[in-house]
Protein backbone atom coordinates (compact mmCIF):
# COMPACT_ATOMS: atom_id res chain seq x y z
CA MET A 1 110.08 -90.77 7.29
CA THR A 2 112.29 -90.14 10.28
CA THR A 3 116.01 -90.56 10.75
CA ARG A 4 118.13 -91.46 13.73
CA SER A 5 118.84 -88.39 15.80
CA GLY A 6 122.15 -86.64 15.30
CA ARG A 7 123.05 -88.21 11.95
CA ARG A 8 123.90 -85.96 9.05
CA VAL A 9 123.67 -86.16 5.27
CA THR A 10 126.41 -84.35 3.37
CA VAL A 11 125.78 -83.20 -0.19
CA ILE A 12 128.72 -82.15 -2.38
CA GLY A 13 127.56 -80.02 -5.30
CA GLY A 14 124.87 -77.35 -5.37
CA GLY A 15 123.39 -77.86 -8.82
CA PHE A 16 119.90 -79.12 -9.55
CA ALA A 17 120.71 -82.68 -8.41
CA GLY A 18 122.41 -81.56 -5.21
CA LEU A 19 119.63 -79.15 -4.23
CA THR A 20 117.00 -81.82 -4.94
CA ALA A 21 118.88 -84.30 -2.74
CA ALA A 22 119.39 -81.77 0.05
CA ILE A 23 115.72 -80.74 0.11
CA THR A 24 114.51 -84.35 0.04
CA ALA A 25 116.77 -85.38 2.92
CA ALA A 26 115.92 -82.29 4.98
CA GLU A 27 112.18 -82.76 4.47
CA ALA A 28 112.61 -86.20 6.03
CA GLY A 29 114.26 -84.75 9.11
CA ALA A 30 117.93 -85.29 8.35
CA ARG A 31 120.53 -82.67 9.24
CA VAL A 32 121.99 -81.66 5.89
CA THR A 33 125.11 -79.75 4.89
CA LEU A 34 125.61 -78.82 1.24
CA TYR A 35 128.98 -77.74 -0.16
CA GLU A 36 129.31 -75.87 -3.46
CA ALA A 37 132.70 -74.97 -4.91
CA HIS A 38 131.35 -72.09 -6.96
CA ARG A 39 130.36 -68.83 -5.30
CA THR A 40 126.76 -69.32 -6.45
CA LEU A 41 124.46 -72.34 -6.53
CA GLY A 42 122.90 -73.86 -9.62
CA GLY A 43 125.53 -75.65 -11.67
CA ARG A 44 124.41 -75.60 -15.30
CA ALA A 45 121.12 -74.08 -14.11
CA ARG A 46 122.80 -70.81 -13.17
CA THR A 47 121.47 -67.65 -14.80
CA ALA A 48 123.70 -64.61 -15.27
CA GLY A 49 122.66 -61.35 -13.66
CA ALA A 50 121.15 -58.38 -15.47
CA PRO A 51 121.17 -56.91 -18.00
CA TYR A 52 121.47 -60.16 -20.00
CA ARG A 53 120.01 -63.13 -18.14
CA THR A 54 121.67 -65.98 -19.97
CA ASN A 55 121.58 -69.59 -18.89
CA GLU A 56 124.61 -71.81 -19.31
CA GLY A 57 123.46 -73.02 -22.71
CA PRO A 58 119.87 -73.26 -24.00
CA HIS A 59 117.51 -74.57 -21.32
CA ALA A 60 113.84 -75.55 -21.20
CA LEU A 61 111.57 -77.24 -18.69
CA TYR A 62 109.63 -80.05 -20.35
CA HIS A 63 105.94 -79.99 -19.51
CA ARG A 64 105.65 -83.72 -18.79
CA GLY A 65 108.86 -83.82 -16.81
CA PRO A 66 108.63 -85.26 -13.29
CA HIS A 67 110.47 -82.40 -11.64
CA ARG A 68 107.83 -79.90 -12.78
CA ALA A 69 105.21 -81.45 -10.46
CA TRP A 70 107.73 -81.79 -7.61
CA LEU A 71 108.69 -78.12 -7.84
CA ALA A 72 105.06 -77.02 -8.12
CA GLU A 73 104.03 -79.00 -5.02
CA ARG A 74 106.57 -77.04 -2.99
CA GLY A 75 105.80 -73.65 -4.51
CA LEU A 76 109.22 -73.57 -6.13
CA LEU A 77 108.25 -73.60 -9.79
CA GLY A 78 107.26 -69.95 -10.15
CA PRO A 79 105.74 -68.40 -13.27
CA LEU A 80 106.44 -70.12 -16.56
CA ALA A 81 106.64 -68.57 -20.01
CA ARG A 82 105.07 -70.24 -23.01
CA ILE A 83 105.90 -69.69 -26.64
CA PRO A 84 103.47 -67.07 -28.05
CA LEU A 85 101.49 -68.34 -31.03
CA ALA A 86 102.87 -65.58 -33.24
CA GLU A 87 106.42 -66.65 -32.39
CA GLY A 88 105.63 -70.28 -33.12
CA ALA A 89 104.99 -69.20 -36.70
CA ARG A 90 108.57 -67.89 -36.84
CA PHE A 91 110.14 -71.34 -36.45
CA ARG A 92 112.62 -71.95 -39.28
CA PHE A 93 114.40 -75.07 -40.52
CA HIS A 94 117.78 -74.90 -42.23
CA GLN A 95 118.11 -77.51 -44.95
CA GLY A 96 120.16 -77.54 -48.13
CA GLY A 97 121.70 -74.19 -47.31
CA ALA A 98 118.36 -72.35 -47.12
CA LEU A 99 115.69 -71.62 -44.52
CA ARG A 100 112.22 -73.12 -44.81
CA ARG A 101 109.06 -72.57 -42.79
CA THR A 102 107.88 -76.18 -42.55
CA PRO A 103 109.71 -79.32 -41.46
CA PRO A 104 110.20 -82.20 -43.89
CA PRO A 105 107.27 -84.68 -43.72
CA GLY A 106 109.65 -87.52 -42.92
CA LEU A 107 110.77 -85.74 -39.75
CA LEU A 108 107.18 -85.46 -38.54
CA ARG A 109 106.44 -89.10 -39.36
CA LEU A 110 109.41 -90.28 -37.35
CA ALA A 111 108.69 -87.92 -34.46
CA ARG A 112 105.23 -89.44 -34.02
CA ARG A 113 106.67 -92.90 -33.40
CA ALA A 114 106.58 -93.89 -29.73
CA PRO A 115 110.02 -94.29 -28.12
CA ALA A 116 109.15 -97.90 -27.25
CA ASP A 117 109.04 -98.65 -30.99
CA ALA A 118 112.77 -97.99 -31.29
CA PRO A 119 115.26 -100.70 -30.29
CA VAL A 120 117.96 -100.18 -27.70
CA ASP A 121 120.58 -102.28 -29.46
CA ALA A 122 120.49 -100.53 -32.86
CA ASP A 123 121.75 -97.09 -33.75
CA PHE A 124 119.19 -94.43 -34.60
CA ARG A 125 120.43 -93.93 -38.16
CA THR A 126 119.96 -97.59 -39.09
CA TRP A 127 116.54 -97.91 -37.43
CA ALA A 128 115.16 -94.60 -38.72
CA THR A 129 116.38 -95.32 -42.24
CA ALA A 130 114.42 -98.58 -42.23
CA GLN A 131 111.32 -96.70 -41.05
CA ALA A 132 111.38 -93.61 -43.26
CA GLY A 133 114.40 -93.62 -45.56
CA PRO A 134 117.88 -92.11 -45.25
CA ALA A 135 116.90 -88.47 -45.83
CA ALA A 136 114.26 -88.50 -43.08
CA ALA A 137 116.61 -90.37 -40.75
CA ARG A 138 119.30 -87.75 -41.26
CA VAL A 139 117.11 -84.68 -40.60
CA ALA A 140 115.41 -86.38 -37.63
CA ALA A 141 118.78 -87.16 -36.06
CA HIS A 142 119.95 -83.59 -36.55
CA TYR A 143 116.72 -82.12 -35.18
CA SER A 144 117.02 -84.25 -32.04
CA GLY A 145 120.37 -82.58 -31.38
CA VAL A 146 118.50 -79.83 -29.51
CA ALA A 147 118.20 -82.26 -26.58
CA LEU A 148 121.42 -84.20 -27.15
CA PHE A 149 124.31 -81.72 -27.59
CA HIS A 150 126.07 -84.42 -29.65
CA HIS A 151 127.72 -84.10 -33.06
CA ASP A 152 126.42 -87.44 -34.42
CA PRO A 153 123.01 -88.36 -32.94
CA GLY A 154 122.46 -91.00 -35.60
CA ALA A 155 125.21 -93.14 -34.05
CA LEU A 156 123.50 -93.28 -30.65
CA SER A 157 120.95 -95.80 -29.36
CA ALA A 158 117.72 -95.63 -31.38
CA ARG A 159 115.59 -95.78 -28.22
CA PHE A 160 117.61 -93.01 -26.57
CA VAL A 161 117.36 -90.64 -29.54
CA GLN A 162 113.73 -91.42 -30.31
CA GLU A 163 112.61 -90.45 -26.81
CA ARG A 164 114.21 -87.04 -27.27
CA LEU A 165 112.92 -86.61 -30.82
CA HIS A 166 109.39 -87.60 -29.80
CA ARG A 167 109.29 -85.04 -27.01
CA ALA A 168 111.22 -82.23 -28.69
CA ALA A 169 109.04 -82.36 -31.83
CA ALA A 170 105.66 -82.80 -30.11
CA LEU A 171 102.86 -80.98 -31.96
CA LEU A 172 101.80 -79.49 -28.61
CA PRO A 173 105.19 -78.13 -27.49
CA GLU A 174 106.37 -79.47 -24.15
CA ALA A 175 108.95 -76.74 -23.58
CA ARG A 176 108.26 -74.24 -20.80
CA TYR A 177 110.60 -71.52 -19.56
CA PRO A 178 110.93 -70.28 -15.97
CA ARG A 179 110.51 -66.51 -16.15
CA GLY A 180 113.76 -64.77 -15.35
CA GLY A 181 115.79 -67.86 -16.23
CA TRP A 182 116.57 -71.07 -14.38
CA GLY A 183 118.41 -69.09 -11.74
CA GLN A 184 115.02 -68.01 -10.37
CA VAL A 185 114.12 -71.65 -9.72
CA VAL A 186 117.52 -72.25 -8.11
CA GLU A 187 117.01 -69.27 -5.79
CA ARG A 188 113.63 -70.61 -4.68
CA MET A 189 115.09 -74.08 -4.11
CA ALA A 190 117.97 -72.62 -2.10
CA ALA A 191 115.60 -70.55 0.04
CA HIS A 192 113.41 -73.61 0.66
CA ALA A 193 116.47 -75.67 1.63
CA TRP A 194 117.60 -72.91 3.99
CA ASN A 195 114.16 -72.78 5.63
CA LEU A 196 114.36 -76.54 6.14
CA GLY A 197 117.60 -76.06 8.04
CA VAL A 198 120.05 -77.08 5.32
CA ARG A 199 123.47 -75.58 5.97
CA ILE A 200 124.71 -74.24 2.63
CA GLU A 201 128.43 -73.49 2.18
CA VAL A 202 129.23 -71.78 -1.15
CA GLY A 203 132.78 -71.17 -2.31
CA SER A 204 133.71 -74.39 -0.48
CA ARG A 205 135.60 -76.85 -2.63
CA VAL A 206 135.72 -80.36 -1.19
CA ASP A 207 138.98 -82.13 -2.08
CA ALA A 208 138.53 -85.21 0.12
CA LEU A 209 135.45 -87.17 1.11
CA PRO A 210 134.19 -86.63 4.65
CA ASP A 211 134.54 -89.44 7.16
CA ALA A 212 131.76 -91.96 6.52
CA ALA A 213 131.18 -92.15 10.27
CA GLY A 214 129.61 -88.71 10.03
CA GLY A 215 126.77 -90.00 7.88
CA PRO A 216 126.09 -90.69 4.20
CA VAL A 217 127.59 -88.51 1.49
CA ILE A 218 125.91 -87.62 -1.81
CA VAL A 219 128.32 -86.54 -4.55
CA ALA A 220 126.30 -84.37 -6.94
CA THR A 221 129.05 -82.95 -9.13
CA SER A 222 130.09 -83.48 -12.73
CA LEU A 223 131.33 -87.00 -13.44
CA ASP A 224 134.87 -85.68 -13.92
CA ALA A 225 134.85 -84.12 -10.44
CA ALA A 226 133.13 -87.18 -8.93
CA ARG A 227 135.69 -89.52 -10.46
CA ARG A 228 138.54 -87.57 -8.87
CA LEU A 229 136.77 -87.25 -5.54
CA LEU A 230 135.81 -90.94 -5.36
CA GLY A 231 139.12 -92.12 -6.81
CA ASP A 232 137.16 -94.45 -9.08
CA PRO A 233 138.07 -94.52 -12.80
CA ALA A 234 134.80 -96.37 -13.54
CA VAL A 235 132.81 -93.20 -12.85
CA THR A 236 132.66 -92.13 -16.47
CA TRP A 237 130.14 -91.92 -19.32
CA GLU A 238 130.02 -90.27 -22.71
CA SER A 239 128.61 -86.77 -23.01
CA GLY A 240 128.30 -84.24 -25.80
CA ARG A 241 130.76 -81.59 -26.91
CA THR A 242 129.11 -78.36 -27.94
CA ALA A 243 129.97 -74.81 -28.93
CA LEU A 244 127.72 -72.37 -27.06
CA LEU A 245 126.85 -68.91 -28.33
CA ASP A 246 125.06 -66.11 -26.45
CA LEU A 247 124.17 -63.03 -28.47
CA VAL A 248 122.27 -59.81 -27.75
CA LEU A 249 120.95 -57.97 -30.81
CA ARG A 250 119.00 -54.78 -31.25
CA SER A 251 115.47 -55.92 -31.99
CA ARG A 252 114.16 -56.22 -35.51
CA THR A 253 110.62 -57.17 -36.52
CA GLY A 254 110.49 -60.47 -38.33
CA ASP A 255 113.52 -62.20 -36.81
CA PRO A 256 113.00 -65.96 -36.40
CA PHE A 257 112.09 -67.48 -33.06
CA VAL A 258 114.13 -70.64 -33.68
CA VAL A 259 116.45 -71.79 -36.43
CA SER A 260 116.90 -75.57 -36.30
CA ASP A 261 119.77 -76.83 -38.43
CA LEU A 262 118.78 -79.99 -40.29
CA ASP A 263 122.00 -80.16 -42.31
CA ALA A 264 123.93 -80.83 -39.07
CA PRO A 265 122.93 -80.77 -35.39
CA GLY A 266 122.53 -77.16 -34.27
CA TRP A 267 120.00 -74.81 -32.69
CA LEU A 268 119.51 -71.05 -32.36
CA GLU A 269 116.70 -69.73 -30.15
CA ARG A 270 115.55 -66.19 -29.40
CA PHE A 271 114.77 -66.57 -25.71
CA THR A 272 113.31 -63.08 -25.34
CA ALA A 273 110.46 -64.27 -27.59
CA GLN A 274 108.86 -66.02 -24.62
CA ASP A 275 110.48 -63.99 -21.81
CA PRO A 276 111.23 -60.38 -22.86
CA GLY A 277 112.61 -59.60 -19.40
CA LEU A 278 115.80 -61.55 -20.13
CA ALA A 279 117.23 -58.46 -21.88
CA PRO A 280 116.53 -54.71 -21.78
CA ALA A 281 113.72 -53.27 -23.88
CA GLY A 282 114.56 -53.09 -27.55
CA ARG A 283 117.07 -55.92 -27.25
CA GLN A 284 116.73 -59.63 -27.93
CA LEU A 285 118.74 -62.47 -26.42
CA LEU A 286 119.71 -65.42 -28.60
CA GLN A 287 121.29 -68.59 -27.29
CA GLY A 288 122.55 -71.40 -29.47
CA GLN A 289 124.38 -74.70 -29.31
CA PHE A 290 126.29 -76.31 -32.17
CA PRO A 291 127.86 -79.71 -31.44
CA VAL A 292 131.42 -80.32 -32.57
CA ALA A 293 133.23 -83.62 -33.03
CA PRO A 294 136.21 -84.71 -30.93
CA GLY A 295 139.23 -82.82 -32.20
CA GLU A 296 137.19 -79.97 -33.67
CA SER A 297 137.55 -76.53 -32.17
CA ARG A 298 134.87 -74.27 -30.76
CA ALA A 299 135.41 -72.08 -33.81
CA VAL A 300 133.95 -74.80 -36.07
CA GLY A 301 130.64 -74.66 -34.20
CA ILE A 302 130.61 -70.86 -34.03
CA ALA A 303 131.19 -70.66 -37.79
CA ARG A 304 128.08 -72.80 -38.34
CA ALA A 305 126.12 -70.54 -36.01
CA GLU A 306 127.23 -67.49 -37.97
CA ARG A 307 126.04 -69.04 -41.24
CA LEU A 308 122.57 -69.49 -39.73
CA LEU A 309 122.64 -65.95 -38.39
CA ASP A 310 123.50 -64.66 -41.88
CA LEU A 311 120.44 -66.44 -43.26
CA GLY A 312 117.93 -65.72 -40.52
CA PHE A 313 118.98 -62.46 -38.86
CA PRO A 314 119.81 -59.82 -41.49
CA GLY A 315 122.38 -57.28 -40.34
CA TRP A 316 123.07 -59.20 -37.14
CA ARG A 317 126.71 -58.14 -36.98
CA ASP A 318 125.78 -54.44 -37.00
CA ARG A 319 123.01 -55.09 -34.48
CA THR A 320 125.18 -57.03 -32.00
CA GLU A 321 125.61 -55.35 -28.61
CA TRP A 322 127.08 -58.24 -26.63
CA SER A 323 128.23 -61.79 -27.29
CA ARG A 324 129.85 -64.70 -25.51
CA GLU A 325 131.23 -68.01 -26.72
CA ALA A 326 132.08 -71.18 -24.81
CA LEU A 327 132.77 -74.86 -25.32
CA ALA A 328 130.76 -77.30 -23.19
CA GLN A 329 132.52 -80.62 -22.80
CA GLY A 330 131.45 -83.39 -20.45
CA ARG A 331 128.67 -81.23 -18.99
CA THR A 332 125.75 -81.67 -21.35
CA GLY A 333 124.20 -84.82 -19.93
CA ALA A 334 124.71 -88.47 -20.77
CA VAL A 335 124.37 -90.00 -24.22
CA ASP A 336 123.73 -93.72 -24.66
CA ARG A 337 125.39 -95.79 -27.36
CA PRO A 338 123.58 -98.77 -28.96
CA GLY A 339 123.15 -101.61 -26.52
CA THR A 340 123.12 -99.37 -23.46
CA THR A 341 120.43 -97.61 -21.44
CA TRP A 342 120.38 -95.29 -18.46
CA ARG A 343 120.68 -98.35 -16.23
CA ASP A 344 124.21 -98.94 -17.55
CA ARG A 345 125.51 -95.51 -16.52
CA PRO A 346 127.49 -95.03 -13.27
CA ALA A 347 125.41 -96.37 -10.40
CA ILE A 348 123.93 -94.12 -7.73
CA VAL A 349 125.01 -96.47 -4.95
CA ARG A 350 128.81 -96.44 -4.53
CA GLY A 351 129.08 -98.35 -1.25
CA ASP A 352 130.32 -97.31 2.21
CA GLY A 353 127.60 -94.68 2.55
CA LEU A 354 128.48 -92.93 -0.72
CA PHE A 355 125.90 -92.03 -3.36
CA LEU A 356 126.16 -90.38 -6.76
CA ALA A 357 123.75 -87.90 -8.40
CA GLY A 358 123.81 -85.75 -11.53
CA ASP A 359 122.69 -85.61 -15.14
CA ALA A 360 124.91 -88.48 -16.35
CA VAL A 361 124.19 -91.27 -13.86
CA ALA A 362 121.87 -94.28 -13.72
CA ALA A 363 118.50 -92.53 -13.67
CA PRO A 364 115.78 -92.06 -16.32
CA GLY A 365 114.62 -88.93 -18.07
CA LEU A 366 115.82 -86.14 -20.30
CA LEU A 367 118.63 -83.76 -19.25
CA THR A 368 117.61 -82.12 -15.93
CA GLU A 369 115.11 -84.93 -15.35
CA VAL A 370 118.07 -87.29 -14.88
CA ALA A 371 119.57 -84.93 -12.31
CA PHE A 372 116.23 -84.72 -10.52
CA HIS A 373 115.59 -88.48 -10.43
CA SER A 374 119.12 -89.25 -9.28
CA GLY A 375 119.06 -86.58 -6.57
CA LEU A 376 115.76 -87.89 -5.26
CA ARG A 377 116.90 -91.50 -5.24
CA ALA A 378 120.31 -90.74 -3.73
CA ALA A 379 118.59 -88.90 -0.90
CA ALA A 380 116.10 -91.74 -0.35
CA LEU A 381 118.90 -94.31 -0.16
CA ALA A 382 120.91 -92.09 2.17
CA LEU A 383 117.84 -91.79 4.40
CA GLU A 384 117.46 -95.57 4.48
CA SER A 385 121.06 -95.85 5.62
CA LEU A 386 120.09 -93.58 8.52
CA GLY A 387 117.23 -95.85 9.52
CA ALA A 388 114.34 -94.42 7.47
CA SER A 389 113.28 -97.84 6.26
CA GLY A 390 111.40 -97.97 2.98
CA ALA A 391 112.32 -94.41 2.03
CA ALA A 392 113.35 -95.37 -1.49
CA ASP A 393 110.19 -97.40 -2.04
CA ARG A 394 107.96 -94.58 -0.83
CA LEU A 395 109.57 -92.18 -3.27
CA ASP A 396 108.69 -94.66 -6.07
CA LEU A 397 111.76 -94.08 -8.20
CA ASN A 398 112.01 -97.49 -9.80
CA HIS A 399 109.78 -96.69 -12.78
CA ALA A 400 110.77 -95.76 -16.36
């Protein structure tokens, strides 16, 4: 692919979608400038500095995800951590107010169903109840919350939820973890973009769109920021609302690896189980997310987290050395209601040389996979507008 000389692609937003778009355009020969309002790149993929390397909420890289191969081809993936077998045996399920070591059989039966078996136009609760009964439908919906960040997964599209359940509950776990946190991947992507000639401006908030005569613009921000920047009220889609908890405890033998709440959506994970370097020796880093309904406070989710900590992590209050709480709203990826699919979300093409990318736009996949697909396609379409004919077709982004 080649572009017309002197034309530039502007990318607004330096998260995973924006970096993917910038790299793709630069690899094709475009002159790229990327603006990021924050002082560091990464968006939700940022990782805090030592001593506690927390991500912004629980993160994992799914083994079958398309961005894994793309990163690996460019030497950007880096070392990945897997869940040790011994830690896998410390997976716990909270049901009926107690912890259990094995999941309910109905959850496993539903998880084995292929996503294509689930309808788009029915809610997950209704479909799953017909397949396995109301009890199995309820626990399956709550378990899927690990990849949804939504307080009522059963009310969402059956196809949408089933894809996440099927992958999150795979018998051969798909989850992989970049060693050192997602920030390590972001640093490698930023260095690669820099070597390709991308001009990166951090701490640079863009309040007005650049003149279209200067070349195509890719807006790779949150939908709230994109809506204000584009002046388009149609740039909106539902997302989750989740209380986030980061906790560093003094280590204790026998603590669970994961506690999955089956009484309500919620998830606690000891991330130092697979990557001990995320906290100093003798310390363990837990991250959790507990969805809350509209109108509920962060404290409601944190209270649920504390009940699980009381059950699974004896003496956790006395062992706590550091903690942080937050409320994620509108920044946990798109959720699809019955009758909708990813194709119904805000379109990538906005007209007049403007393109949209991020984790809540019209692109397939799960969480960061949506950001990746949309960044790739936005860049391909921007390249075509610069004269790189067939760029979008060659990137083959019309599947799924």
